[in-house]
Amino acid sequence: MADESRDHLYFLCPFAWSLWTLVAQRCRLVPDGRWDHCLTQLQSLSGNKYVRRVTLLGWQSTVYWIWSERNNRLHRNSYRTVDALFRLLDRQIRDKFLSHRDHNPLLASKLMQIWLPSD
């Protein structure tokens, strides 16, 4: 096991990097594997405010799920795949967007259109 550090956990670890890469692709972002560079990249997002919002939520969700997985592995001896974790993250983000449906359906629609894969 590699030394645990912020930089290793986010995103030098191949597991975490794989998850962030999936999320970044959905957010139309070319991911950077270095913590400081990633933060700079996120702080300097420009353009469409909806894309920025989706990207920041994607980042927050990725950090949360990586930390959750780390704790599950350490304390419960429970392991999930990157795909399993991405499914949880994807559901969380979709639910967040759908929570806007009643009071702001346009916002919910714009955010969901950005997040959903375009294949």
PDB file of N, CA and C in Angstrom:
ATOM      1  N   MET A   1       0.845  -1.180   0.000  1.00  0.00           N
ATOM      2  CA  MET A   1       0.000   0.000   0.000  1.00  0.00           C
ATOM      3  C   MET A   1       0.889   1.242   0.000  1.00  0.00           C
ATOM      4  N   ALA A   2       0.565   2.199  -0.823  1.00  0.00           N
ATOM      5  CA  ALA A   2       1.344   3.437  -0.919  1.00  0.00           C
ATOM      6  C   ALA A   2       1.104   4.301   0.307  1.00  0.00           C
ATOM      7  N   ASP A   3       2.072   5.177   0.587  1.00  0.00           N
ATOM      8  CA  ASP A   3       1.873   6.120   1.674  1.00  0.00           C
ATOM      9  C   ASP A   3       0.629   6.938   1.398  1.00  0.00           C
ATOM     10  N   GLU A   4      -0.177   7.102   2.437  1.00  0.00           N
ATOM     11  CA  GLU A   4      -1.403   7.865   2.260  1.00  0.00           C
ATOM     12  C   GLU A   4      -1.103   9.346   2.375  1.00  0.00           C
ATOM     13  N   SER A   5      -1.460  10.061   1.361  1.00  0.00           N
ATOM     14  CA  SER A   5      -1.334  11.515   1.356  1.00  0.00           C
ATOM     15  C   SER A   5      -2.474  12.055   0.501  1.00  0.00           C
ATOM     16  N   ARG A   6      -2.699  13.320   0.615  1.00  0.00           N
ATOM     17  CA  ARG A   6      -3.738  13.943  -0.192  1.00  0.00           C
ATOM     18  C   ARG A   6      -3.456  13.716  -1.674  1.00  0.00           C
ATOM     19  N   ASP A   7      -2.210  13.924  -2.063  1.00  0.00           N
ATOM     20  CA  ASP A   7      -1.857  13.785  -3.475  1.00  0.00           C
ATOM     21  C   ASP A   7      -2.015  12.353  -3.958  1.00  0.00           C
ATOM     22  N   HIS A   8      -1.692  11.391  -3.105  1.00  0.00           N
ATOM     23  CA  HIS A   8      -1.874   9.999  -3.525  1.00  0.00           C
ATOM     24  C   HIS A   8      -3.355   9.660  -3.605  1.00  0.00           C
ATOM     25  N   LEU A   9      -4.094  10.008  -2.560  1.00  0.00           N
ATOM     26  CA  LEU A   9      -5.515   9.667  -2.538  1.00  0.00           C
ATOM     27  C   LEU A   9      -6.263  10.367  -3.664  1.00  0.00           C
ATOM     28  N   TYR A  10      -5.902  11.623  -3.935  1.00  0.00           N
ATOM     29  CA  TYR A  10      -6.531  12.413  -5.002  1.00  0.00           C
ATOM     30  C   TYR A  10      -5.410  12.939  -5.893  1.00  0.00           C
ATOM     31  N   PHE A  11      -4.931  12.386  -6.919  1.00  0.00           N
ATOM     32  CA  PHE A  11      -5.363  11.343  -7.784  1.00  0.00           C
ATOM     33  C   PHE A  11      -4.212  10.502  -8.292  1.00  0.00           C
ATOM     34  N   LEU A  12      -3.147  10.435  -7.542  1.00  0.00           N
ATOM     35  CA  LEU A  12      -2.038   9.580  -7.966  1.00  0.00           C
ATOM     36  C   LEU A  12      -2.408   8.104  -7.871  1.00  0.00           C
ATOM     37  N   CYS A  13      -3.315   7.770  -7.004  1.00  0.00           N
ATOM     38  CA  CYS A  13      -3.817   6.403  -6.888  1.00  0.00           C
ATOM     39  C   CYS A  13      -4.579   6.058  -8.177  1.00  0.00           C
ATOM     40  N   PRO A  14      -4.229   4.969  -8.841  1.00  0.00           N
ATOM     41  CA  PRO A  14      -4.893   4.612 -10.100  1.00  0.00           C
ATOM     42  C   PRO A  14      -6.416   4.445  -9.964  1.00  0.00           C
ATOM     43  N   PHE A  15      -6.869   3.943  -8.821  1.00  0.00           N
ATOM     44  CA  PHE A  15      -8.310   3.776  -8.595  1.00  0.00           C
ATOM     45  C   PHE A  15      -9.010   5.135  -8.607  1.00  0.00           C
ATOM     46  N   ALA A  16      -8.486   6.065  -7.813  1.00  0.00           N
ATOM     47  CA  ALA A  16      -9.078   7.401  -7.730  1.00  0.00           C
ATOM     48  C   ALA A  16      -8.978   8.125  -9.069  1.00  0.00           C
ATOM     49  N   TRP A  17      -7.842   7.971  -9.737  1.00  0.00           N
ATOM     50  CA  TRP A  17      -7.655   8.618 -11.037  1.00  0.00           C
ATOM     51  C   TRP A  17      -8.674   8.106 -12.049  1.00  0.00           C
ATOM     52  N   SER A  18      -8.944   6.812 -12.024  1.00  0.00           N
ATOM     53  CA  SER A  18      -9.928   6.232 -12.950  1.00  0.00           C
ATOM     54  C   SER A  18     -11.309   6.827 -12.715  1.00  0.00           C
ATOM     55  N   LEU A  19     -11.686   6.986 -11.451  1.00  0.00           N
ATOM     56  CA  LEU A  19     -12.996   7.566 -11.139  1.00  0.00           C
ATOM     57  C   LEU A  19     -13.048   9.026 -11.578  1.00  0.00           C
ATOM     58  N   TRP A  20     -12.028   9.806 -11.234  1.00  0.00           N
ATOM     59  CA  TRP A  20     -12.018  11.218 -11.615  1.00  0.00           C
ATOM     60  C   TRP A  20     -12.021  11.381 -13.130  1.00  0.00           C
ATOM     61  N   THR A  21     -11.338  10.516 -13.852  1.00  0.00           N
ATOM     62  CA  THR A  21     -11.319  10.590 -15.308  1.00  0.00           C
ATOM     63  C   THR A  21     -12.727  10.388 -15.877  1.00  0.00           C
ATOM     64  N   LEU A  22     -13.466   9.427 -15.350  1.00  0.00           N
ATOM     65  CA  LEU A  22     -14.845   9.202 -15.806  1.00  0.00           C
ATOM     66  C   LEU A  22     -15.716  10.437 -15.552  1.00  0.00           C
ATOM     67  N   VAL A  23     -15.581  10.990 -14.364  1.00  0.00           N
ATOM     68  CA  VAL A  23     -16.388  12.158 -14.008  1.00  0.00           C
ATOM     69  C   VAL A  23     -15.972  13.370 -14.841  1.00  0.00           C
ATOM     70  N   ALA A  24     -14.685  13.603 -14.976  1.00  0.00           N
ATOM     71  CA  ALA A  24     -14.194  14.752 -15.749  1.00  0.00           C
ATOM     72  C   ALA A  24     -14.668  14.684 -17.193  1.00  0.00           C
ATOM     73  N   GLN A  25     -14.672  13.495 -17.777  1.00  0.00           N
ATOM     74  CA  GLN A  25     -15.169  13.351 -19.151  1.00  0.00           C
ATOM     75  C   GLN A  25     -16.619  13.781 -19.239  1.00  0.00           C
ATOM     76  N   ARG A  26     -17.439  13.396 -18.267  1.00  0.00           N
ATOM     77  CA  ARG A  26     -18.838  13.804 -18.254  1.00  0.00           C
ATOM     78  C   ARG A  26     -18.968  15.322 -18.134  1.00  0.00           C
ATOM     79  N   CYS A  27     -18.000  15.934 -17.468  1.00  0.00           N
ATOM     80  CA  CYS A  27     -18.038  17.380 -17.236  1.00  0.00           C
ATOM     81  C   CYS A  27     -17.348  18.167 -18.351  1.00  0.00           C
ATOM     82  N   ARG A  28     -16.910  17.453 -19.384  1.00  0.00           N
ATOM     83  CA  ARG A  28     -16.229  18.083 -20.517  1.00  0.00           C
ATOM     84  C   ARG A  28     -14.922  18.757 -20.089  1.00  0.00           C
ATOM     85  N   LEU A  29     -14.205  18.072 -19.227  1.00  0.00           N
ATOM     86  CA  LEU A  29     -12.974  18.601 -18.658  1.00  0.00           C
ATOM     87  C   LEU A  29     -11.850  17.620 -18.943  1.00  0.00           C
ATOM     88  N   VAL A  30     -10.698  18.151 -19.324  1.00  0.00           N
ATOM     89  CA  VAL A  30      -9.510  17.316 -19.463  1.00  0.00           C
ATOM     90  C   VAL A  30      -8.884  17.274 -18.077  1.00  0.00           C
ATOM     91  N   PRO A  31      -8.898  16.107 -17.431  1.00  0.00           N
ATOM     92  CA  PRO A  31      -8.457  16.057 -16.036  1.00  0.00           C
ATOM     93  C   PRO A  31      -6.955  16.216 -15.878  1.00  0.00           C
ATOM     94  N   ASP A  32      -6.575  16.779 -14.747  1.00  0.00           N
ATOM     95  CA  ASP A  32      -5.166  16.896 -14.384  1.00  0.00           C
ATOM     96  C   ASP A  32      -4.963  16.030 -13.154  1.00  0.00           C
ATOM     97  N   GLY A  33      -3.923  15.244 -13.133  1.00  0.00           N
ATOM     98  CA  GLY A  33      -3.700  14.288 -12.069  1.00  0.00           C
ATOM     99  C   GLY A  33      -2.986  14.830 -10.850  1.00  0.00           C
ATOM    100  N   ARG A  34      -2.701  16.106 -10.827  1.00  0.00           N
ATOM    101  CA  ARG A  34      -2.028  16.696  -9.668  1.00  0.00           C
ATOM    102  C   ARG A  34      -3.006  17.583  -8.904  1.00  0.00           C
ATOM    103  N   TRP A  35      -3.094  17.375  -7.615  1.00  0.00           N
ATOM    104  CA  TRP A  35      -4.077  18.061  -6.774  1.00  0.00           C
ATOM    105  C   TRP A  35      -4.044  19.578  -6.979  1.00  0.00           C
ATOM    106  N   ASP A  36      -2.883  20.195  -6.842  1.00  0.00           N
ATOM    107  CA  ASP A  36      -2.791  21.657  -6.961  1.00  0.00           C
ATOM    108  C   ASP A  36      -3.211  22.141  -8.339  1.00  0.00           C
ATOM    109  N   HIS A  37      -2.805  21.422  -9.363  1.00  0.00           N
ATOM    110  CA  HIS A  37      -3.171  21.813 -10.729  1.00  0.00           C
ATOM    111  C   HIS A  37      -4.669  21.642 -10.948  1.00  0.00           C
ATOM    112  N   CYS A  38      -5.218  20.582 -10.376  1.00  0.00           N
ATOM    113  CA  CYS A  38      -6.654  20.348 -10.510  1.00  0.00           C
ATOM    114  C   CYS A  38      -7.443  21.486  -9.844  1.00  0.00           C
ATOM    115  N   LEU A  39      -7.026  21.888  -8.656  1.00  0.00           N
ATOM    116  CA  LEU A  39      -7.715  22.991  -7.977  1.00  0.00           C
ATOM    117  C   LEU A  39      -7.617  24.285  -8.780  1.00  0.00           C
ATOM    118  N   THR A  40      -6.451  24.544  -9.329  1.00  0.00           N
ATOM    119  CA  THR A  40      -6.282  25.736 -10.172  1.00  0.00           C
ATOM    120  C   THR A  40      -7.196  25.655 -11.385  1.00  0.00           C
ATOM    121  N   GLN A  41      -7.247  24.481 -11.985  1.00  0.00           N
ATOM    122  CA  GLN A  41      -8.109  24.267 -13.143  1.00  0.00           C
ATOM    123  C   GLN A  41      -9.575  24.528 -12.776  1.00  0.00           C
ATOM    124  N   LEU A  42     -10.012  24.038 -11.627  1.00  0.00           N
ATOM    125  CA  LEU A  42     -11.400  24.230 -11.202  1.00  0.00           C
ATOM    126  C   LEU A  42     -11.682  25.685 -10.852  1.00  0.00           C
ATOM    127  N   GLN A  43     -10.719  26.370 -10.258  1.00  0.00           N
ATOM    128  CA  GLN A  43     -10.902  27.771  -9.894  1.00  0.00           C
ATOM    129  C   GLN A  43     -10.959  28.676 -11.116  1.00  0.00           C
ATOM    130  N   SER A  44     -10.372  28.234 -12.203  1.00  0.00           N
ATOM    131  CA  SER A  44     -10.320  29.088 -13.392  1.00  0.00           C
ATOM    132  C   SER A  44     -11.322  28.654 -14.468  1.00  0.00           C
ATOM    133  N   LEU A  45     -12.304  27.858 -14.090  1.00  0.00           N
ATOM    134  CA  LEU A  45     -13.322  27.458 -15.067  1.00  0.00           C
ATOM    135  C   LEU A  45     -14.012  28.697 -15.612  1.00  0.00           C
ATOM    136  N   SER A  46     -14.178  28.716 -16.900  1.00  0.00           N
ATOM    137  CA  SER A  46     -14.871  29.850 -17.513  1.00  0.00           C
ATOM    138  C   SER A  46     -15.932  29.310 -18.456  1.00  0.00           C
ATOM    139  N   GLY A  47     -16.710  30.209 -19.001  1.00  0.00           N
ATOM    140  CA  GLY A  47     -17.723  29.788 -19.955  1.00  0.00           C
ATOM    141  C   GLY A  47     -19.072  29.566 -19.307  1.00  0.00           C
ATOM    142  N   ASN A  48     -19.792  28.625 -19.831  1.00  0.00           N
ATOM    143  CA  ASN A  48     -21.164  28.334 -19.448  1.00  0.00           C
ATOM    144  C   ASN A  48     -21.281  28.058 -17.943  1.00  0.00           C
ATOM    145  N   LYS A  49     -22.161  28.815 -17.276  1.00  0.00           N
ATOM    146  CA  LYS A  49     -22.314  28.665 -15.820  1.00  0.00           C
ATOM    147  C   LYS A  49     -22.890  27.302 -15.446  1.00  0.00           C
ATOM    148  N   TYR A  50     -23.646  26.695 -16.335  1.00  0.00           N
ATOM    149  CA  TYR A  50     -24.210  25.376 -16.039  1.00  0.00           C
ATOM    150  C   TYR A  50     -23.132  24.294 -16.111  1.00  0.00           C
ATOM    151  N   VAL A  51     -22.233  24.419 -17.063  1.00  0.00           N
ATOM    152  CA  VAL A  51     -21.111  23.476 -17.168  1.00  0.00           C
ATOM    153  C   VAL A  51     -20.214  23.615 -15.933  1.00  0.00           C
ATOM    154  N   ARG A  52     -19.968  24.843 -15.504  1.00  0.00           N
ATOM    155  CA  ARG A  52     -19.168  25.066 -14.294  1.00  0.00           C
ATOM    156  C   ARG A  52     -19.836  24.415 -13.083  1.00  0.00           C
ATOM    157  N   ARG A  53     -21.131  24.592 -12.987  1.00  0.00           N
ATOM    158  CA  ARG A  53     -21.873  24.021 -11.850  1.00  0.00           C
ATOM    159  C   ARG A  53     -21.796  22.499 -11.846  1.00  0.00           C
ATOM    160  N   VAL A  54     -21.990  21.892 -13.004  1.00  0.00           N
ATOM    161  CA  VAL A  54     -21.907  20.438 -13.121  1.00  0.00           C
ATOM    162  C   VAL A  54     -20.492  19.962 -12.788  1.00  0.00           C
ATOM    163  N   THR A  55     -19.501  20.668 -13.281  1.00  0.00           N
ATOM    164  CA  THR A  55     -18.107  20.287 -13.044  1.00  0.00           C
ATOM    165  C   THR A  55     -17.764  20.345 -11.559  1.00  0.00           C
ATOM    166  N   LEU A  56     -18.158  21.411 -10.883  1.00  0.00           N
ATOM    167  CA  LEU A  56     -17.855  21.529  -9.461  1.00  0.00           C
ATOM    168  C   LEU A  56     -18.601  20.476  -8.639  1.00  0.00           C
ATOM    169  N   LEU A  57     -19.828  20.183  -9.006  1.00  0.00           N
ATOM    170  CA  LEU A  57     -20.555  19.116  -8.321  1.00  0.00           C
ATOM    171  C   LEU A  57     -19.901  17.764  -8.593  1.00  0.00           C
ATOM    172  N   GLY A  58     -19.449  17.554  -9.818  1.00  0.00           N
ATOM    173  CA  GLY A  58     -18.743  16.320 -10.143  1.00  0.00           C
ATOM    174  C   GLY A  58     -17.480  16.168  -9.315  1.00  0.00           C
ATOM    175  N   TRP A  59     -16.733  17.253  -9.152  1.00  0.00           N
ATOM    176  CA  TRP A  59     -15.511  17.241  -8.345  1.00  0.00           C
ATOM    177  C   TRP A  59     -15.835  16.913  -6.890  1.00  0.00           C
ATOM    178  N   GLN A  60     -16.819  17.620  -6.328  1.00  0.00           N
ATOM    179  CA  GLN A  60     -17.194  17.391  -4.937  1.00  0.00           C
ATOM    180  C   GLN A  60     -17.642  15.949  -4.711  1.00  0.00           C
ATOM    181  N   SER A  61     -18.420  15.439  -5.629  1.00  0.00           N
ATOM    182  CA  SER A  61     -18.905  14.068  -5.507  1.00  0.00           C
ATOM    183  C   SER A  61     -17.765  13.065  -5.604  1.00  0.00           C
ATOM    184  N   THR A  62     -16.830  13.332  -6.494  1.00  0.00           N
ATOM    185  CA  THR A  62     -15.674  12.442  -6.639  1.00  0.00           C
ATOM    186  C   THR A  62     -14.865  12.401  -5.352  1.00  0.00           C
ATOM    187  N   VAL A  63     -14.594  13.549  -4.772  1.00  0.00           N
ATOM    188  CA  VAL A  63     -13.831  13.613  -3.524  1.00  0.00           C
ATOM    189  C   VAL A  63     -14.584  12.849  -2.428  1.00  0.00           C
ATOM    190  N   TYR A  64     -15.885  13.055  -2.339  1.00  0.00           N
ATOM    191  CA  TYR A  64     -16.686  12.372  -1.330  1.00  0.00           C
ATOM    192  C   TYR A  64     -16.628  10.856  -1.496  1.00  0.00           C
ATOM    193  N   TRP A  65     -16.846  10.364  -2.722  1.00  0.00           N
ATOM    194  CA  TRP A  65     -16.910   8.920  -2.936  1.00  0.00           C
ATOM    195  C   TRP A  65     -15.537   8.255  -2.808  1.00  0.00           C
ATOM    196  N   ILE A  66     -14.479   8.951  -3.152  1.00  0.00           N
ATOM    197  CA  ILE A  66     -13.148   8.386  -2.950  1.00  0.00           C
ATOM    198  C   ILE A  66     -12.879   8.247  -1.447  1.00  0.00           C
ATOM    199  N   TRP A  67     -13.214   9.267  -0.685  1.00  0.00           N
ATOM    200  CA  TRP A  67     -13.004   9.205   0.757  1.00  0.00           C
ATOM    201  C   TRP A  67     -13.879   8.113   1.385  1.00  0.00           C
ATOM    202  N   SER A  68     -15.105   8.009   0.937  1.00  0.00           N
ATOM    203  CA  SER A  68     -16.003   6.969   1.432  1.00  0.00           C
ATOM    204  C   SER A  68     -15.446   5.580   1.136  1.00  0.00           C
ATOM    205  N   GLU A  69     -14.932   5.383  -0.064  1.00  0.00           N
ATOM    206  CA  GLU A  69     -14.345   4.098  -0.444  1.00  0.00           C
ATOM    207  C   GLU A  69     -13.112   3.807   0.395  1.00  0.00           C
ATOM    208  N   ARG A  70     -12.299   4.805   0.619  1.00  0.00           N
ATOM    209  CA  ARG A  70     -11.119   4.631   1.462  1.00  0.00           C
ATOM    210  C   ARG A  70     -11.523   4.144   2.839  1.00  0.00           C
ATOM    211  N   ASN A  71     -12.527   4.785   3.436  1.00  0.00           N
ATOM    212  CA  ASN A  71     -12.978   4.391   4.770  1.00  0.00           C
ATOM    213  C   ASN A  71     -13.594   2.997   4.779  1.00  0.00           C
ATOM    214  N   ASN A  72     -14.363   2.666   3.754  1.00  0.00           N
ATOM    215  CA  ASN A  72     -14.937   1.314   3.675  1.00  0.00           C
ATOM    216  C   ASN A  72     -13.845   0.263   3.599  1.00  0.00           C
ATOM    217  N   ARG A  73     -12.814   0.537   2.845  1.00  0.00           N
ATOM    218  CA  ARG A  73     -11.718  -0.425   2.708  1.00  0.00           C
ATOM    219  C   ARG A  73     -10.951  -0.578   4.024  1.00  0.00           C
ATOM    220  N   LEU A  74     -10.698   0.529   4.695  1.00  0.00           N
ATOM    221  CA  LEU A  74      -9.920   0.481   5.936  1.00  0.00           C
ATOM    222  C   LEU A  74     -10.700  -0.083   7.118  1.00  0.00           C
ATOM    223  N   HIS A  75     -11.959   0.303   7.242  1.00  0.00           N
ATOM    224  CA  HIS A  75     -12.714   0.004   8.457  1.00  0.00           C
ATOM    225  C   HIS A  75     -13.718  -1.139   8.322  1.00  0.00           C
ATOM    226  N   ARG A  76     -14.097  -1.451   7.096  1.00  0.00           N
ATOM    227  CA  ARG A  76     -15.096  -2.503   6.897  1.00  0.00           C
ATOM    228  C   ARG A  76     -14.594  -3.646   6.020  1.00  0.00           C
ATOM    229  N   ASN A  77     -13.390  -3.481   5.523  1.00  0.00           N
ATOM    230  CA  ASN A  77     -12.821  -4.477   4.609  1.00  0.00           C
ATOM    231  C   ASN A  77     -13.774  -4.736   3.434  1.00  0.00           C
ATOM    232  N   SER A  78     -14.377  -3.659   2.949  1.00  0.00           N
ATOM    233  CA  SER A  78     -15.359  -3.721   1.863  1.00  0.00           C
ATOM    234  C   SER A  78     -14.796  -2.961   0.666  1.00  0.00           C
ATOM    235  N   TYR A  79     -14.821  -3.611  -0.496  1.00  0.00           N
ATOM    236  CA  TYR A  79     -14.212  -3.040  -1.696  1.00  0.00           C
ATOM    237  C   TYR A  79     -15.248  -2.946  -2.809  1.00  0.00           C
ATOM    238  N   ARG A  80     -15.248  -1.810  -3.503  1.00  0.00           N
ATOM    239  CA  ARG A  80     -16.092  -1.638  -4.685  1.00  0.00           C
ATOM    240  C   ARG A  80     -15.206  -1.332  -5.872  1.00  0.00           C
ATOM    241  N   THR A  81     -15.709  -1.616  -7.053  1.00  0.00           N
ATOM    242  CA  THR A  81     -14.974  -1.300  -8.277  1.00  0.00           C
ATOM    243  C   THR A  81     -15.190   0.175  -8.622  1.00  0.00           C
ATOM    244  N   VAL A  82     -14.377   0.663  -9.532  1.00  0.00           N
ATOM    245  CA  VAL A  82     -14.553   2.030 -10.027  1.00  0.00           C
ATOM    246  C   VAL A  82     -15.937   2.168 -10.656  1.00  0.00           C
ATOM    247  N   ASP A  83     -16.347   1.173 -11.425  1.00  0.00           N
ATOM    248  CA  ASP A  83     -17.668   1.232 -12.069  1.00  0.00           C
ATOM    249  C   ASP A  83     -18.795   1.285 -11.042  1.00  0.00           C
ATOM    250  N   ALA A  84     -18.685   0.499  -9.981  1.00  0.00           N
ATOM    251  CA  ALA A  84     -19.710   0.508  -8.935  1.00  0.00           C
ATOM    252  C   ALA A  84     -19.759   1.873  -8.254  1.00  0.00           C
ATOM    253  N   LEU A  85     -18.604   2.431  -7.985  1.00  0.00           N
ATOM    254  CA  LEU A  85     -18.539   3.744  -7.353  1.00  0.00           C
ATOM    255  C   LEU A  85     -19.089   4.822  -8.286  1.00  0.00           C
ATOM    256  N   PHE A  86     -18.773   4.704  -9.567  1.00  0.00           N
ATOM    257  CA  PHE A  86     -19.284   5.695 -10.517  1.00  0.00           C
ATOM    258  C   PHE A  86     -20.808   5.624 -10.605  1.00  0.00           C
ATOM    259  N   ARG A  87     -21.374   4.436 -10.536  1.00  0.00           N
ATOM    260  CA  ARG A  87     -22.834   4.319 -10.557  1.00  0.00           C
ATOM    261  C   ARG A  87     -23.461   5.041  -9.362  1.00  0.00           C
ATOM    262  N   LEU A  88     -22.856   4.909  -8.187  1.00  0.00           N
ATOM    263  CA  LEU A  88     -23.357   5.610  -7.003  1.00  0.00           C
ATOM    264  C   LEU A  88     -23.237   7.125  -7.169  1.00  0.00           C
ATOM    265  N   LEU A  89     -22.101   7.556  -7.642  1.00  0.00           N
ATOM    266  CA  LEU A  89     -21.849   8.974  -7.870  1.00  0.00           C
ATOM    267  C   LEU A  89     -22.824   9.535  -8.913  1.00  0.00           C
ATOM    268  N   ASP A  90     -23.007   8.802  -9.993  1.00  0.00           N
ATOM    269  CA  ASP A  90     -23.921   9.214 -11.063  1.00  0.00           C
ATOM    270  C   ASP A  90     -25.343   9.367 -10.525  1.00  0.00           C
ATOM    271  N   ARG A  91     -25.788   8.406  -9.724  1.00  0.00           N
ATOM    272  CA  ARG A  91     -27.134   8.467  -9.144  1.00  0.00           C
ATOM    273  C   ARG A  91     -27.258   9.679  -8.223  1.00  0.00           C
ATOM    274  N   GLN A  92     -26.226   9.939  -7.433  1.00  0.00           N
ATOM    275  CA  GLN A  92     -26.243  11.078  -6.519  1.00  0.00           C
ATOM    276  C   GLN A  92     -26.380  12.397  -7.298  1.00  0.00           C
ATOM    277  N   ILE A  93     -25.618  12.531  -8.358  1.00  0.00           N
ATOM    278  CA  ILE A  93     -25.663  13.758  -9.150  1.00  0.00           C
ATOM    279  C   ILE A  93     -27.010  13.905  -9.861  1.00  0.00           C
ATOM    280  N   ARG A  94     -27.502  12.837 -10.449  1.00  0.00           N
ATOM    281  CA  ARG A  94     -28.824  12.905 -11.105  1.00  0.00           C
ATOM    282  C   ARG A  94     -29.900  13.294 -10.107  1.00  0.00           C
ATOM    283  N   ASP A  95     -29.855  12.704  -8.918  1.00  0.00           N
ATOM    284  CA  ASP A  95     -30.848  13.043  -7.893  1.00  0.00           C
ATOM    285  C   ASP A  95     -30.758  14.512  -7.506  1.00  0.00           C
ATOM    286  N   LYS A  96     -29.546  15.032  -7.422  1.00  0.00           N
ATOM    287  CA  LYS A  96     -29.369  16.448  -7.104  1.00  0.00           C
ATOM    288  C   LYS A  96     -30.020  17.325  -8.177  1.00  0.00           C
ATOM    289  N   PHE A  97     -29.788  16.981  -9.435  1.00  0.00           N
ATOM    290  CA  PHE A  97     -30.388  17.764 -10.515  1.00  0.00           C
ATOM    291  C   PHE A  97     -31.903  17.635 -10.510  1.00  0.00           C
ATOM    292  N   LEU A  98     -32.389  16.434 -10.276  1.00  0.00           N
ATOM    293  CA  LEU A  98     -33.843  16.211 -10.256  1.00  0.00           C
ATOM    294  C   LEU A  98     -34.512  16.925  -9.086  1.00  0.00           C
ATOM    295  N   SER A  99     -33.757  17.211  -8.037  1.00  0.00           N
ATOM    296  CA  SER A  99     -34.336  17.916  -6.894  1.00  0.00           C
ATOM    297  C   SER A  99     -34.749  19.345  -7.261  1.00  0.00           C
ATOM    298  N   HIS A 100     -34.254  19.858  -8.369  1.00  0.00           N
ATOM    299  CA  HIS A 100     -34.611  21.209  -8.830  1.00  0.00           C
ATOM    300  C   HIS A 100     -35.860  21.212  -9.709  1.00  0.00           C
ATOM    301  N   ARG A 101     -36.343  20.037 -10.060  1.00  0.00           N
ATOM    302  CA  ARG A 101     -37.422  19.912 -11.041  1.00  0.00           C
ATOM    303  C   ARG A 101     -38.654  20.741 -10.706  1.00  0.00           C
ATOM    304  N   ASP A 102     -39.115  20.691  -9.460  1.00  0.00           N
ATOM    305  CA  ASP A 102     -40.364  21.369  -9.102  1.00  0.00           C
ATOM    306  C   ASP A 102     -40.244  22.891  -9.092  1.00  0.00           C
ATOM    307  N   HIS A 103     -39.165  23.414  -8.527  1.00  0.00           N
ATOM    308  CA  HIS A 103     -39.056  24.875  -8.408  1.00  0.00           C
ATOM    309  C   HIS A 103     -38.299  25.538  -9.559  1.00  0.00           C
ATOM    310  N   ASN A 104     -37.518  24.759 -10.307  1.00  0.00           N
ATOM    311  CA  ASN A 104     -36.779  25.337 -11.433  1.00  0.00           C
ATOM    312  C   ASN A 104     -36.536  24.260 -12.493  1.00  0.00           C
ATOM    313  N   PRO A 105     -37.580  23.910 -13.238  1.00  0.00           N
ATOM    314  CA  PRO A 105     -37.437  22.823 -14.216  1.00  0.00           C
ATOM    315  C   PRO A 105     -36.420  23.125 -15.317  1.00  0.00           C
ATOM    316  N   LEU A 106     -36.256  24.379 -15.681  1.00  0.00           N
ATOM    317  CA  LEU A 106     -35.277  24.733 -16.712  1.00  0.00           C
ATOM    318  C   LEU A 106     -33.854  24.423 -16.227  1.00  0.00           C
ATOM    319  N   LEU A 107     -33.561  24.793 -14.987  1.00  0.00           N
ATOM    320  CA  LEU A 107     -32.248  24.498 -14.415  1.00  0.00           C
ATOM    321  C   LEU A 107     -32.011  22.989 -14.374  1.00  0.00           C
ATOM    322  N   ALA A 108     -32.994  22.248 -13.887  1.00  0.00           N
ATOM    323  CA  ALA A 108     -32.869  20.786 -13.810  1.00  0.00           C
ATOM    324  C   ALA A 108     -32.581  20.196 -15.186  1.00  0.00           C
ATOM    325  N   SER A 109     -33.263  20.685 -16.183  1.00  0.00           N
ATOM    326  CA  SER A 109     -33.093  20.182 -17.543  1.00  0.00           C
ATOM    327  C   SER A 109     -31.705  20.513 -18.091  1.00  0.00           C
ATOM    328  N   LYS A 110     -31.267  21.761 -17.916  1.00  0.00           N
ATOM    329  CA  LYS A 110     -29.945  22.161 -18.426  1.00  0.00           C
ATOM    330  C   LYS A 110     -28.825  21.357 -17.773  1.00  0.00           C
ATOM    331  N   LEU A 111     -28.902  21.194 -16.450  1.00  0.00           N
ATOM    332  CA  LEU A 111     -27.860  20.449 -15.744  1.00  0.00           C
ATOM    333  C   LEU A 111     -27.844  18.988 -16.179  1.00  0.00           C
ATOM    334  N   MET A 112     -29.029  18.400 -16.307  1.00  0.00           N
ATOM    335  CA  MET A 112     -29.113  16.995 -16.699  1.00  0.00           C
ATOM    336  C   MET A 112     -28.594  16.797 -18.121  1.00  0.00           C
ATOM    337  N   GLN A 113     -28.891  17.724 -19.021  1.00  0.00           N
ATOM    338  CA  GLN A 113     -28.411  17.611 -20.405  1.00  0.00           C
ATOM    339  C   GLN A 113     -26.884  17.646 -20.465  1.00  0.00           C
ATOM    340  N   ILE A 114     -26.275  18.418 -19.607  1.00  0.00           N
ATOM    341  CA  ILE A 114     -24.807  18.477 -19.571  1.00  0.00           C
ATOM    342  C   ILE A 114     -24.244  17.175 -19.017  1.00  0.00           C
ATOM    343  N   TRP A 115     -24.864  16.664 -17.940  1.00  0.00           N
ATOM    344  CA  TRP A 115     -24.332  15.491 -17.261  1.00  0.00           C
ATOM    345  C   TRP A 115     -24.511  14.197 -18.054  1.00  0.00           C
ATOM    346  N   LEU A 116     -25.647  14.030 -18.707  1.00  0.00           N
ATOM    347  CA  LEU A 116     -25.911  12.759 -19.386  1.00  0.00           C
ATOM    348  C   LEU A 116     -24.928  12.552 -20.533  1.00  0.00           C
ATOM    349  N   PRO A 117     -24.495  11.296 -20.716  1.00  0.00           N
ATOM    350  CA  PRO A 117     -23.533  11.040 -21.811  1.00  0.00           C
ATOM    351  C   PRO A 117     -24.165  11.378 -23.156  1.00  0.00           C
ATOM    352  N   SER A 118     -23.337  11.844 -24.057  1.00  0.00           N
ATOM    353  CA  SER A 118     -23.841  12.307 -25.360  1.00  0.00           C
ATOM    354  C   SER A 118     -23.619  11.290 -26.473  1.00  0.00           C
ATOM    355  N   ASP A 119     -23.409  10.000 -26.126  1.00  0.00           N
ATOM    356  CA  ASP A 119     -23.170   9.016 -27.182  1.00  0.00           C
ATOM    357  C   ASP A 119     -24.405   8.699 -27.879  1.00  0.00           C
TER     358      ASP A 119
END
